């Protein structure tokens, strides 16, 4: 579901008025999923509430989608940027990256809730672009499977990767004073089916 053109910029993106939400990855336009399901909104809202309380009055600012995040190449003006995304939740610690219309530059932290049918987009395409842009820590959450993937940037690469259940308290690697109480988040989700399932394996690059 891409717009019928070879390459787009943020200037093109801002001119679209079809009512659809889009993201640009290296000039290609991707239609975002339809309205998020309850699990998605529950996770994002509950985690944001915890972040907001812990970061209130501090330099690092938590933010929610929909919000344009521009990931420019060196020297690109905003209108020429070819990667514009809307992460579900982000934390920005550099106030110079926060502009009136959104964020310019890599957030320090991003959380994405994996959408059904969009696993490759989240785990491969967006993850790779976040790595290239320098996002220091990326969490991918699958609420249906109760699984969290944590990617931490080291020497420009997501080399420190862990997979864990949505349980207990998990601090951010880059901001250890900030954490998520997953038990509190999961308590707000519908119960899982009784049959046990193996944690899903993310698509490989």
C-alpha atoms as a PDB file:
ATOM      1  CA  UNK A   1       0.000   0.000   0.000  1.00  0.00           C
ATOM      2  CA  UNK A   2       2.329   2.677  -1.269  1.00  0.00           C
ATOM      3  CA  UNK A   3       1.682   5.908  -3.069  1.00  0.00           C
ATOM      4  CA  UNK A   4       2.311   5.475  -6.854  1.00  0.00           C
ATOM      5  CA  UNK A   5       5.632   7.247  -7.152  1.00  0.00           C
ATOM      6  CA  UNK A   6       9.270   6.173  -6.905  1.00  0.00           C
ATOM      7  CA  UNK A   7      10.461   8.522  -4.177  1.00  0.00           C
ATOM      8  CA  UNK A   8       8.908  11.028  -1.804  1.00  0.00           C
ATOM      9  CA  UNK A   9      10.083  13.748   0.538  1.00  0.00           C
ATOM     10  CA  UNK A  10       8.613  15.338   3.635  1.00  0.00           C
ATOM     11  CA  UNK A  11       7.337  18.168   1.418  1.00  0.00           C
ATOM     12  CA  UNK A  12       5.291  15.641  -0.573  1.00  0.00           C
ATOM     13  CA  UNK A  13       4.105  13.957   2.606  1.00  0.00           C
ATOM     14  CA  UNK A  14       2.758  17.203   4.046  1.00  0.00           C
ATOM     15  CA  UNK A  15       0.639  17.782   0.937  1.00  0.00           C
ATOM     16  CA  UNK A  16      -1.335  14.531   1.196  1.00  0.00           C
ATOM     17  CA  UNK A  17      -4.933  14.942   2.354  1.00  0.00           C
ATOM     18  CA  UNK A  18      -6.414  11.486   1.736  1.00  0.00           C
ATOM     19  CA  UNK A  19      -7.175  10.876   5.409  1.00  0.00           C
ATOM     20  CA  UNK A  20      -4.648   8.022   5.535  1.00  0.00           C
ATOM     21  CA  UNK A  21      -1.609   8.038   7.835  1.00  0.00           C
ATOM     22  CA  UNK A  22       1.676   7.402   6.039  1.00  0.00           C
ATOM     23  CA  UNK A  23       5.336   6.880   6.881  1.00  0.00           C
ATOM     24  CA  UNK A  24       8.310   7.439   4.590  1.00  0.00           C
ATOM     25  CA  UNK A  25      11.299   5.103   4.671  1.00  0.00           C
ATOM     26  CA  UNK A  26      14.117   6.231   2.370  1.00  0.00           C
ATOM     27  CA  UNK A  27      11.640   7.868   0.019  1.00  0.00           C
ATOM     28  CA  UNK A  28       9.117   5.013  -0.124  1.00  0.00           C
ATOM     29  CA  UNK A  29       5.636   5.641   1.267  1.00  0.00           C
ATOM     30  CA  UNK A  30       3.986   3.037   3.478  1.00  0.00           C
ATOM     31  CA  UNK A  31       0.389   3.192   4.636  1.00  0.00           C
ATOM     32  CA  UNK A  32       0.149   2.688   8.366  1.00  0.00           C
ATOM     33  CA  UNK A  33      -2.185   0.094   9.893  1.00  0.00           C
ATOM     34  CA  UNK A  34      -5.879   0.938  10.341  1.00  0.00           C
ATOM     35  CA  UNK A  35      -7.035   2.296  13.697  1.00  0.00           C
ATOM     36  CA  UNK A  36      -5.070   0.528  16.456  1.00  0.00           C
ATOM     37  CA  UNK A  37      -6.738  -2.268  18.411  1.00  0.00           C
ATOM     38  CA  UNK A  38      -7.422  -2.071  22.145  1.00  0.00           C
ATOM     39  CA  UNK A  39      -4.291  -4.078  23.103  1.00  0.00           C
ATOM     40  CA  UNK A  40      -2.123  -1.628  21.177  1.00  0.00           C
ATOM     41  CA  UNK A  41      -3.670   1.445  22.752  1.00  0.00           C
ATOM     42  CA  UNK A  42      -3.607  -0.074  26.228  1.00  0.00           C
ATOM     43  CA  UNK A  43       0.129  -0.807  26.077  1.00  0.00           C
ATOM     44  CA  UNK A  44       1.049   2.579  24.644  1.00  0.00           C
ATOM     45  CA  UNK A  45      -1.149   4.512  27.063  1.00  0.00           C
ATOM     46  CA  UNK A  46      -0.054   2.583  30.164  1.00  0.00           C
ATOM     47  CA  UNK A  47       3.663   2.794  29.359  1.00  0.00           C
ATOM     48  CA  UNK A  48       3.417   6.494  28.517  1.00  0.00           C
ATOM     49  CA  UNK A  49       1.674   7.169  31.840  1.00  0.00           C
ATOM     50  CA  UNK A  50       4.564   5.522  33.696  1.00  0.00           C
ATOM     51  CA  UNK A  51       7.180   7.397  31.678  1.00  0.00           C
ATOM     52  CA  UNK A  52       5.375  10.708  32.171  1.00  0.00           C
ATOM     53  CA  UNK A  53       5.370  10.347  35.949  1.00  0.00           C
ATOM     54  CA  UNK A  54       9.029   9.328  36.097  1.00  0.00           C
ATOM     55  CA  UNK A  55      10.283  12.007  33.688  1.00  0.00           C
ATOM     56  CA  UNK A  56       8.076  14.888  34.782  1.00  0.00           C
ATOM     57  CA  UNK A  57      10.186  18.022  35.205  1.00  0.00           C
ATOM     58  CA  UNK A  58      13.307  16.361  33.746  1.00  0.00           C
ATOM     59  CA  UNK A  59      15.132  17.106  30.487  1.00  0.00           C
ATOM     60  CA  UNK A  60      14.065  13.902  28.698  1.00  0.00           C
ATOM     61  CA  UNK A  61      10.536  14.193  27.289  1.00  0.00           C
ATOM     62  CA  UNK A  62       8.186  11.261  26.517  1.00  0.00           C
ATOM     63  CA  UNK A  63       5.907  11.750  23.504  1.00  0.00           C
ATOM     64  CA  UNK A  64       3.109   9.842  21.768  1.00  0.00           C
ATOM     65  CA  UNK A  65       2.018   9.184  18.198  1.00  0.00           C
ATOM     66  CA  UNK A  66       0.737  10.695  16.006  1.00  0.00           C
ATOM     67  CA  UNK A  67       3.838  12.868  15.840  1.00  0.00           C
ATOM     68  CA  UNK A  68       6.161  13.283  12.869  1.00  0.00           C
ATOM     69  CA  UNK A  69       9.748  12.216  13.523  1.00  0.00           C
ATOM     70  CA  UNK A  70      12.125  13.250  10.742  1.00  0.00           C
ATOM     71  CA  UNK A  71      15.310  11.210  10.348  1.00  0.00           C
ATOM     72  CA  UNK A  72      17.407  13.396   8.021  1.00  0.00           C
ATOM     73  CA  UNK A  73      20.601  12.519   6.248  1.00  0.00           C
ATOM     74  CA  UNK A  74      23.472  14.916   6.859  1.00  0.00           C
ATOM     75  CA  UNK A  75      22.577  18.435   5.791  1.00  0.00           C
ATOM     76  CA  UNK A  76      19.047  17.670   4.577  1.00  0.00           C
ATOM     77  CA  UNK A  77      16.509  20.449   4.964  1.00  0.00           C
ATOM     78  CA  UNK A  78      13.192  19.358   6.443  1.00  0.00           C
ATOM     79  CA  UNK A  79      11.337  19.471   3.118  1.00  0.00           C
ATOM     80  CA  UNK A  80      13.969  17.203   1.544  1.00  0.00           C
ATOM     81  CA  UNK A  81      13.946  14.520   4.257  1.00  0.00           C
ATOM     82  CA  UNK A  82      13.000  11.108   2.838  1.00  0.00           C
ATOM     83  CA  UNK A  83      12.385   9.257   6.130  1.00  0.00           C
ATOM     84  CA  UNK A  84       9.507  10.401   8.324  1.00  0.00           C
ATOM     85  CA  UNK A  85       8.035   8.010  10.873  1.00  0.00           C
ATOM     86  CA  UNK A  86       5.443   8.077  13.658  1.00  0.00           C
ATOM     87  CA  UNK A  87       6.689   5.821  16.481  1.00  0.00           C
ATOM     88  CA  UNK A  88       4.061   4.734  18.988  1.00  0.00           C
ATOM     89  CA  UNK A  89       6.067   6.192  21.876  1.00  0.00           C
ATOM     90  CA  UNK A  90       9.402   7.985  22.074  1.00  0.00           C
ATOM     91  CA  UNK A  91      11.705   9.784  24.479  1.00  0.00           C
ATOM     92  CA  UNK A  92      13.798  12.769  23.380  1.00  0.00           C
ATOM     93  CA  UNK A  93      16.535  14.095  25.679  1.00  0.00           C
ATOM     94  CA  UNK A  94      17.941  16.821  23.398  1.00  0.00           C
ATOM     95  CA  UNK A  95      15.575  19.828  23.396  1.00  0.00           C
ATOM     96  CA  UNK A  96      17.145  21.076  20.155  1.00  0.00           C
ATOM     97  CA  UNK A  97      15.524  18.145  18.333  1.00  0.00           C
ATOM     98  CA  UNK A  98      12.017  19.209  19.340  1.00  0.00           C
ATOM     99  CA  UNK A  99      10.370  21.507  16.805  1.00  0.00           C
ATOM    100  CA  UNK A 100       6.864  22.923  16.624  1.00  0.00           C
ATOM    101  CA  UNK A 101       5.665  20.345  14.087  1.00  0.00           C
ATOM    102  CA  UNK A 102       7.504  17.335  15.460  1.00  0.00           C
ATOM    103  CA  UNK A 103      10.960  15.935  16.121  1.00  0.00           C
ATOM    104  CA  UNK A 104      13.986  16.301  13.854  1.00  0.00           C
ATOM    105  CA  UNK A 105      16.675  13.726  14.510  1.00  0.00           C
ATOM    106  CA  UNK A 106      16.854  10.357  16.228  1.00  0.00           C
ATOM    107  CA  UNK A 107      14.937  10.023  19.504  1.00  0.00           C
ATOM    108  CA  UNK A 108      16.927   8.472  22.329  1.00  0.00           C
ATOM    109  CA  UNK A 109      14.295   5.774  22.887  1.00  0.00           C
ATOM    110  CA  UNK A 110      11.469   4.342  20.774  1.00  0.00           C
ATOM    111  CA  UNK A 111       8.750   1.831  21.629  1.00  0.00           C
ATOM    112  CA  UNK A 112       6.729   0.263  18.829  1.00  0.00           C
ATOM    113  CA  UNK A 113       3.797  -2.102  19.345  1.00  0.00           C
ATOM    114  CA  UNK A 114       4.068  -4.790  16.663  1.00  0.00           C
ATOM    115  CA  UNK A 115       1.023  -4.734  14.408  1.00  0.00           C
ATOM    116  CA  UNK A 116      -0.556  -7.975  13.159  1.00  0.00           C
ATOM    117  CA  UNK A 117       0.515  -8.534   9.572  1.00  0.00           C
ATOM    118  CA  UNK A 118       3.226  -5.851   9.803  1.00  0.00           C
ATOM    119  CA  UNK A 119       5.915  -7.823  11.635  1.00  0.00           C
ATOM    120  CA  UNK A 120       8.467  -7.519   8.844  1.00  0.00           C
ATOM    121  CA  UNK A 121       7.901  -3.777   8.603  1.00  0.00           C
ATOM    122  CA  UNK A 122       8.487  -3.288  12.336  1.00  0.00           C
ATOM    123  CA  UNK A 123      11.211  -5.878  12.927  1.00  0.00           C
ATOM    124  CA  UNK A 124      13.223  -5.394   9.746  1.00  0.00           C
ATOM    125  CA  UNK A 125      12.570  -2.200   7.788  1.00  0.00           C
ATOM    126  CA  UNK A 126      11.916   0.252  10.628  1.00  0.00           C
ATOM    127  CA  UNK A 127      14.383  -1.405  12.984  1.00  0.00           C
ATOM    128  CA  UNK A 128      17.158  -1.083  10.398  1.00  0.00           C
ATOM    129  CA  UNK A 129      16.330   2.567   9.758  1.00  0.00           C
ATOM    130  CA  UNK A 130      16.255   3.342  13.484  1.00  0.00           C
ATOM    131  CA  UNK A 131      19.657   1.707  13.818  1.00  0.00           C
ATOM    132  CA  UNK A 132      21.069   3.780  10.954  1.00  0.00           C
ATOM    133  CA  UNK A 133      19.617   6.981  12.421  1.00  0.00           C
ATOM    134  CA  UNK A 134      21.188   6.322  15.834  1.00  0.00           C
ATOM    135  CA  UNK A 135      18.167   5.564  18.034  1.00  0.00           C
ATOM    136  CA  UNK A 136      19.938   4.452  21.210  1.00  0.00           C
ATOM    137  CA  UNK A 137      17.326   1.987  22.418  1.00  0.00           C
ATOM    138  CA  UNK A 138      14.379   0.334  20.656  1.00  0.00           C
ATOM    139  CA  UNK A 139      11.645  -1.783  22.232  1.00  0.00           C
ATOM    140  CA  UNK A 140       9.281  -3.846  20.095  1.00  0.00           C
ATOM    141  CA  UNK A 141       6.255  -5.123  22.019  1.00  0.00           C
ATOM    142  CA  UNK A 142       3.869  -7.907  21.004  1.00  0.00           C
ATOM    143  CA  UNK A 143       0.973  -7.701  23.485  1.00  0.00           C
ATOM    144  CA  UNK A 144      -0.827 -10.709  21.997  1.00  0.00           C
ATOM    145  CA  UNK A 145       2.186 -12.922  22.718  1.00  0.00           C
ATOM    146  CA  UNK A 146       3.325 -11.015  25.834  1.00  0.00           C
ATOM    147  CA  UNK A 147       6.823 -10.637  24.379  1.00  0.00           C
ATOM    148  CA  UNK A 148       9.304  -7.743  24.394  1.00  0.00           C
ATOM    149  CA  UNK A 149      12.338  -7.377  22.125  1.00  0.00           C
ATOM    150  CA  UNK A 150      14.971  -4.926  23.385  1.00  0.00           C
ATOM    151  CA  UNK A 151      17.610  -3.495  21.022  1.00  0.00           C
ATOM    152  CA  UNK A 152      20.425  -1.376  22.454  1.00  0.00           C
ATOM    153  CA  UNK A 153      22.795   0.530  20.163  1.00  0.00           C
ATOM    154  CA  UNK A 154      26.502  -0.183  20.615  1.00  0.00           C
ATOM    155  CA  UNK A 155      29.084   1.240  18.203  1.00  0.00           C
ATOM    156  CA  UNK A 156      26.322   2.116  15.769  1.00  0.00           C
ATOM    157  CA  UNK A 157      24.794  -1.384  15.706  1.00  0.00           C
ATOM    158  CA  UNK A 158      21.979  -3.113  17.586  1.00  0.00           C
ATOM    159  CA  UNK A 159      24.325  -5.787  18.885  1.00  0.00           C
ATOM    160  CA  UNK A 160      22.880  -6.091  22.396  1.00  0.00           C
ATOM    161  CA  UNK A 161      19.504  -7.776  21.807  1.00  0.00           C
ATOM    162  CA  UNK A 162      17.290  -9.536  24.348  1.00  0.00           C
ATOM    163  CA  UNK A 163      13.869 -11.188  24.254  1.00  0.00           C
ATOM    164  CA  UNK A 164      11.753 -11.421  27.377  1.00  0.00           C
ATOM    165  CA  UNK A 165       8.224 -11.850  28.669  1.00  0.00           C
ATOM    166  CA  UNK A 166       6.066  -8.884  29.582  1.00  0.00           C
ATOM    167  CA  UNK A 167       6.502  -9.414  33.309  1.00  0.00           C
ATOM    168  CA  UNK A 168       8.225  -7.748  36.234  1.00  0.00           C
ATOM    169  CA  UNK A 169       9.948  -4.371  36.082  1.00  0.00           C
ATOM    170  CA  UNK A 170      12.230  -3.498  33.181  1.00  0.00           C
ATOM    171  CA  UNK A 171      14.500  -0.402  33.329  1.00  0.00           C
ATOM    172  CA  UNK A 172      15.660   1.316  30.181  1.00  0.00           C
ATOM    173  CA  UNK A 173      19.271   0.522  29.349  1.00  0.00           C
ATOM    174  CA  UNK A 174      20.010   4.141  28.419  1.00  0.00           C
ATOM    175  CA  UNK A 175      18.016   5.645  31.325  1.00  0.00           C
ATOM    176  CA  UNK A 176      18.253   3.168  34.207  1.00  0.00           C
ATOM    177  CA  UNK A 177      16.266   5.482  36.461  1.00  0.00           C
ATOM    178  CA  UNK A 178      13.252   4.991  34.162  1.00  0.00           C
ATOM    179  CA  UNK A 179      11.448   1.647  34.129  1.00  0.00           C
ATOM    180  CA  UNK A 180       8.239  -0.079  33.082  1.00  0.00           C
ATOM    181  CA  UNK A 181       6.149  -2.172  35.462  1.00  0.00           C
ATOM    182  CA  UNK A 182       4.950  -4.747  32.948  1.00  0.00           C
ATOM    183  CA  UNK A 183       2.775  -6.539  35.493  1.00  0.00           C
ATOM    184  CA  UNK A 184       0.723  -3.353  35.843  1.00  0.00           C
ATOM    185  CA  UNK A 185       0.480  -2.974  32.057  1.00  0.00           C
ATOM    186  CA  UNK A 186      -0.478  -6.612  31.425  1.00  0.00           C
ATOM    187  CA  UNK A 187      -3.134  -6.438  34.162  1.00  0.00           C
ATOM    188  CA  UNK A 188      -5.056  -4.060  31.892  1.00  0.00           C
ATOM    189  CA  UNK A 189      -4.936  -6.435  28.879  1.00  0.00           C
ATOM    190  CA  UNK A 190      -7.454  -9.185  28.093  1.00  0.00           C
ATOM    191  CA  UNK A 191      -6.301 -12.626  29.308  1.00  0.00           C
ATOM    192  CA  UNK A 192      -4.455 -14.868  26.879  1.00  0.00           C
ATOM    193  CA  UNK A 193      -5.931 -18.176  25.657  1.00  0.00           C
ATOM    194  CA  UNK A 194      -5.107 -21.037  28.029  1.00  0.00           C
ATOM    195  CA  UNK A 195      -3.023 -22.933  25.454  1.00  0.00           C
ATOM    196  CA  UNK A 196       0.654 -22.045  25.814  1.00  0.00           C
ATOM    197  CA  UNK A 197       2.559 -20.785  22.785  1.00  0.00           C
ATOM    198  CA  UNK A 198       6.211 -20.414  21.969  1.00  0.00           C
ATOM    199  CA  UNK A 199       7.414 -16.788  21.743  1.00  0.00           C
ATOM    200  CA  UNK A 200       7.347 -15.653  18.102  1.00  0.00           C
ATOM    201  CA  UNK A 201      10.586 -15.336  16.183  1.00  0.00           C
ATOM    202  CA  UNK A 202      10.992 -11.950  14.483  1.00  0.00           C
ATOM    203  CA  UNK A 203      11.690 -11.839  10.740  1.00  0.00           C
ATOM    204  CA  UNK A 204      15.369 -11.684   9.888  1.00  0.00           C
ATOM    205  CA  UNK A 205      16.901  -8.817   7.906  1.00  0.00           C
END
